[in-house]
Amino acid sequence: MENPELQALPAKYKLLVGIGVAAALQSSTCTVMWSKLARQAGATQAEIAEAILVARLMKMATVNDSAADALAWLDEQGAE
């Protein structure tokens, strides 16, 4: 976070990414920690909530992708 060569994103945005990753990886402790740090860096409650909602959407997308082959196979089997 502090490396001067990696400062293309402001700290607030890095922390919002961290919130989304922690939420998607299902770490409550890290999600709360990153949320507190993001607030200290100037993130609003709405921004933090949106980061969490985006994580939920991304997690849902991976479940859909993971299940796609199984759902296609079921479809090929036809109705019982």
C-alpha atoms as a PDB file:
ATOM      1  CA  MET A   1       0.000   0.000   0.000  1.00  0.00           C
ATOM      2  CA  GLU A   2       2.834   2.387   0.797  1.00  0.00           C
ATOM      3  CA  ASN A   3       5.224   1.506  -2.059  1.00  0.00           C
ATOM      4  CA  PRO A   4       5.802   4.801  -3.938  1.00  0.00           C
ATOM      5  CA  GLU A   5       6.173   2.887  -7.208  1.00  0.00           C
ATOM      6  CA  LEU A   6       2.633   1.500  -6.852  1.00  0.00           C
ATOM      7  CA  GLN A   7       0.592   4.657  -6.383  1.00  0.00           C
ATOM      8  CA  ALA A   8      -1.524   4.695  -9.540  1.00  0.00           C
ATOM      9  CA  LEU A   9      -4.625   4.209  -7.369  1.00  0.00           C
ATOM     10  CA  PRO A  10      -5.401   6.363  -4.344  1.00  0.00           C
ATOM     11  CA  ALA A  11      -5.398   4.483  -1.018  1.00  0.00           C
ATOM     12  CA  LYS A  12      -9.195   4.804  -0.699  1.00  0.00           C
ATOM     13  CA  TYR A  13      -9.728   2.877  -3.919  1.00  0.00           C
ATOM     14  CA  LYS A  14      -7.195   0.202  -2.999  1.00  0.00           C
ATOM     15  CA  LEU A  15      -9.053  -0.277   0.268  1.00  0.00           C
ATOM     16  CA  LEU A  16     -12.409  -0.521  -1.521  1.00  0.00           C
ATOM     17  CA  VAL A  17     -10.921  -3.254  -3.705  1.00  0.00           C
ATOM     18  CA  GLY A  18      -9.706  -4.954  -0.528  1.00  0.00           C
ATOM     19  CA  ILE A  19     -13.223  -4.844   0.909  1.00  0.00           C
ATOM     20  CA  GLY A  20     -14.619  -6.510  -2.200  1.00  0.00           C
ATOM     21  CA  VAL A  21     -11.963  -9.211  -2.236  1.00  0.00           C
ATOM     22  CA  ALA A  22     -12.329  -9.923   1.482  1.00  0.00           C
ATOM     23  CA  ALA A  23     -16.111 -10.141   1.145  1.00  0.00           C
ATOM     24  CA  ALA A  24     -15.869 -12.446  -1.891  1.00  0.00           C
ATOM     25  CA  LEU A  25     -13.396 -14.662  -0.018  1.00  0.00           C
ATOM     26  CA  GLN A  26     -15.845 -14.725   2.891  1.00  0.00           C
ATOM     27  CA  SER A  27     -13.551 -13.223   5.527  1.00  0.00           C
ATOM     28  CA  SER A  28     -15.702 -11.249   7.934  1.00  0.00           C
ATOM     29  CA  THR A  29     -12.698 -10.083   9.957  1.00  0.00           C
ATOM     30  CA  CYS A  30     -10.898  -8.721   6.900  1.00  0.00           C
ATOM     31  CA  THR A  31     -14.060  -7.162   5.457  1.00  0.00           C
ATOM     32  CA  VAL A  32     -14.595  -5.201   8.682  1.00  0.00           C
ATOM     33  CA  MET A  33     -10.903  -4.269   8.948  1.00  0.00           C
ATOM     34  CA  TRP A  34     -10.714  -2.990   5.351  1.00  0.00           C
ATOM     35  CA  SER A  35     -14.005  -1.136   5.836  1.00  0.00           C
ATOM     36  CA  LYS A  36     -12.647   0.689   8.885  1.00  0.00           C
ATOM     37  CA  LEU A  37      -9.438   1.567   7.061  1.00  0.00           C
ATOM     38  CA  ALA A  38     -11.412   2.749   4.023  1.00  0.00           C
ATOM     39  CA  ARG A  39     -13.538   5.046   6.228  1.00  0.00           C
ATOM     40  CA  GLN A  40     -10.331   6.490   7.695  1.00  0.00           C
ATOM     41  CA  ALA A  41      -9.096   7.052   4.120  1.00  0.00           C
ATOM     42  CA  GLY A  42     -12.258   8.992   3.245  1.00  0.00           C
ATOM     43  CA  ALA A  43     -14.567   6.344   1.796  1.00  0.00           C
ATOM     44  CA  THR A  44     -18.249   6.937   2.387  1.00  0.00           C
ATOM     45  CA  GLN A  45     -20.706   4.390   3.740  1.00  0.00           C
ATOM     46  CA  ALA A  46     -22.287   4.258   0.284  1.00  0.00           C
ATOM     47  CA  GLU A  47     -18.931   3.492  -1.367  1.00  0.00           C
ATOM     48  CA  ILE A  48     -18.205   0.697   1.107  1.00  0.00           C
ATOM     49  CA  ALA A  49     -21.687  -0.765   0.658  1.00  0.00           C
ATOM     50  CA  GLU A  50     -21.263  -0.653  -3.113  1.00  0.00           C
ATOM     51  CA  ALA A  51     -17.901  -2.429  -2.887  1.00  0.00           C
ATOM     52  CA  ILE A  52     -19.607  -5.209  -0.928  1.00  0.00           C
ATOM     53  CA  LEU A  53     -22.491  -5.385  -3.413  1.00  0.00           C
ATOM     54  CA  VAL A  54     -20.058  -5.613  -6.338  1.00  0.00           C
ATOM     55  CA  ALA A  55     -18.279  -8.465  -4.527  1.00  0.00           C
ATOM     56  CA  ARG A  56     -21.613 -10.240  -4.164  1.00  0.00           C
ATOM     57  CA  LEU A  57     -22.283  -9.815  -7.884  1.00  0.00           C
ATOM     58  CA  MET A  58     -18.826 -11.144  -8.782  1.00  0.00           C
ATOM     59  CA  LYS A  59     -19.246 -14.118  -6.437  1.00  0.00           C
ATOM     60  CA  MET A  60     -22.622 -14.860  -8.029  1.00  0.00           C
ATOM     61  CA  ALA A  61     -21.019 -14.716 -11.480  1.00  0.00           C
ATOM     62  CA  THR A  62     -18.403 -17.293 -10.486  1.00  0.00           C
ATOM     63  CA  VAL A  63     -21.080 -19.631  -9.130  1.00  0.00           C
ATOM     64  CA  ASN A  64     -22.994 -19.278 -12.392  1.00  0.00           C
ATOM     65  CA  ASP A  65     -19.832 -20.001 -14.378  1.00  0.00           C
ATOM     66  CA  SER A  66     -18.919 -22.986 -12.198  1.00  0.00           C
ATOM     67  CA  ALA A  67     -22.372 -24.480 -12.594  1.00  0.00           C
ATOM     68  CA  ALA A  68     -22.760 -23.810 -16.335  1.00  0.00           C
ATOM     69  CA  ASP A  69     -21.432 -27.196 -17.487  1.00  0.00           C
ATOM     70  CA  ALA A  70     -23.560 -29.086 -14.976  1.00  0.00           C
ATOM     71  CA  LEU A  71     -26.659 -27.134 -15.988  1.00  0.00           C
ATOM     72  CA  ALA A  72     -25.920 -27.755 -19.674  1.00  0.00           C
ATOM     73  CA  TRP A  73     -25.516 -31.475 -18.958  1.00  0.00           C
ATOM     74  CA  LEU A  74     -28.841 -31.546 -17.113  1.00  0.00           C
ATOM     75  CA  ASP A  75     -30.477 -29.805 -20.060  1.00  0.00           C
ATOM     76  CA  GLU A  76     -29.062 -32.421 -22.438  1.00  0.00           C
ATOM     77  CA  GLN A  77     -30.598 -35.165 -20.293  1.00  0.00           C
ATOM     78  CA  GLY A  78     -34.078 -33.812 -20.962  1.00  0.00           C
ATOM     79  CA  ALA A  79     -37.053 -33.821 -18.632  1.00  0.00           C
ATOM     80  CA  GLU A  80     -37.672 -36.813 -16.394  1.00  0.00           C
END
